[in-house]
Amino acid sequence: MGYMCAHCKKEIKVPEKNSTRCPYCGYRVLAKKRSSLAKEVSTK
């Protein structure tokens, strides 16, 4: 699972150690990408 820059929306595979910046735009907010699978929940 990778990370995504909150500013430029580019995917970053694994951030470097002690790195909190996007290598493309320099923005400091990274978010974990969510999986695209829908989860089934029972209603009982």
C-alpha atoms as a PDB file:
ATOM      1  CA  MET A   1       0.000   0.000   0.000  1.00  0.00           C
ATOM      2  CA  GLY A   2       1.419   3.356  -0.967  1.00  0.00           C
ATOM      3  CA  TYR A   3       0.956   6.967  -0.054  1.00  0.00           C
ATOM      4  CA  MET A   4      -0.557   9.871  -1.973  1.00  0.00           C
ATOM      5  CA  CYS A   5       0.371  13.543  -1.818  1.00  0.00           C
ATOM      6  CA  ALA A   6      -2.570  15.638  -0.586  1.00  0.00           C
ATOM      7  CA  HIS A   7      -1.614  18.537  -2.870  1.00  0.00           C
ATOM      8  CA  CYS A   8      -0.579  17.132  -6.268  1.00  0.00           C
ATOM      9  CA  LYS A   9      -2.339  13.718  -5.855  1.00  0.00           C
ATOM     10  CA  LYS A  10       0.682  11.775  -7.148  1.00  0.00           C
ATOM     11  CA  GLU A  11       1.312   8.303  -5.775  1.00  0.00           C
ATOM     12  CA  ILE A  12       4.461   7.705  -3.731  1.00  0.00           C
ATOM     13  CA  LYS A  13       5.443   4.072  -3.220  1.00  0.00           C
ATOM     14  CA  VAL A  14       7.382   4.165   0.072  1.00  0.00           C
ATOM     15  CA  PRO A  15       8.426   7.421   1.691  1.00  0.00           C
ATOM     16  CA  GLU A  16      12.115   7.606   2.514  1.00  0.00           C
ATOM     17  CA  LYS A  17      13.118   7.337   6.150  1.00  0.00           C
ATOM     18  CA  ASN A  18      12.677  10.651   8.007  1.00  0.00           C
ATOM     19  CA  SER A  19      11.079  12.160   4.887  1.00  0.00           C
ATOM     20  CA  THR A  20       7.725  13.880   5.226  1.00  0.00           C
ATOM     21  CA  ARG A  21       7.725  15.752   1.915  1.00  0.00           C
ATOM     22  CA  CYS A  22       6.414  14.891  -1.524  1.00  0.00           C
ATOM     23  CA  PRO A  23       9.380  14.429  -3.901  1.00  0.00           C
ATOM     24  CA  TYR A  24       7.381  16.079  -6.724  1.00  0.00           C
ATOM     25  CA  CYS A  25       5.962  19.267  -5.195  1.00  0.00           C
ATOM     26  CA  GLY A  26       7.490  19.457  -1.690  1.00  0.00           C
ATOM     27  CA  TYR A  27       4.130  19.436   0.111  1.00  0.00           C
ATOM     28  CA  ARG A  28       4.325  18.030   3.639  1.00  0.00           C
ATOM     29  CA  VAL A  29       0.993  16.192   3.857  1.00  0.00           C
ATOM     30  CA  LEU A  30       0.962  12.535   2.769  1.00  0.00           C
ATOM     31  CA  ALA A  31      -2.084  10.269   3.038  1.00  0.00           C
ATOM     32  CA  LYS A  32      -2.248   6.493   2.897  1.00  0.00           C
ATOM     33  CA  LYS A  33      -4.032   5.166  -0.156  1.00  0.00           C
ATOM     34  CA  ARG A  34      -7.154   3.186   0.577  1.00  0.00           C
ATOM     35  CA  SER A  35      -7.845  -0.135  -1.045  1.00  0.00           C
ATOM     36  CA  SER A  36     -10.459  -0.123  -3.785  1.00  0.00           C
ATOM     37  CA  LEU A  37     -12.246  -3.210  -2.422  1.00  0.00           C
ATOM     38  CA  ALA A  38     -15.698  -2.761  -0.949  1.00  0.00           C
ATOM     39  CA  LYS A  39     -16.300  -4.486   2.363  1.00  0.00           C
ATOM     40  CA  GLU A  40     -19.467  -6.483   3.051  1.00  0.00           C
ATOM     41  CA  VAL A  41     -21.069  -6.009   6.446  1.00  0.00           C
ATOM     42  CA  SER A  42     -23.867  -8.172   7.800  1.00  0.00           C
ATOM     43  CA  THR A  43     -26.971  -6.414   9.101  1.00  0.00           C
ATOM     44  CA  LYS A  44     -27.831  -8.943  11.816  1.00  0.00           C
END
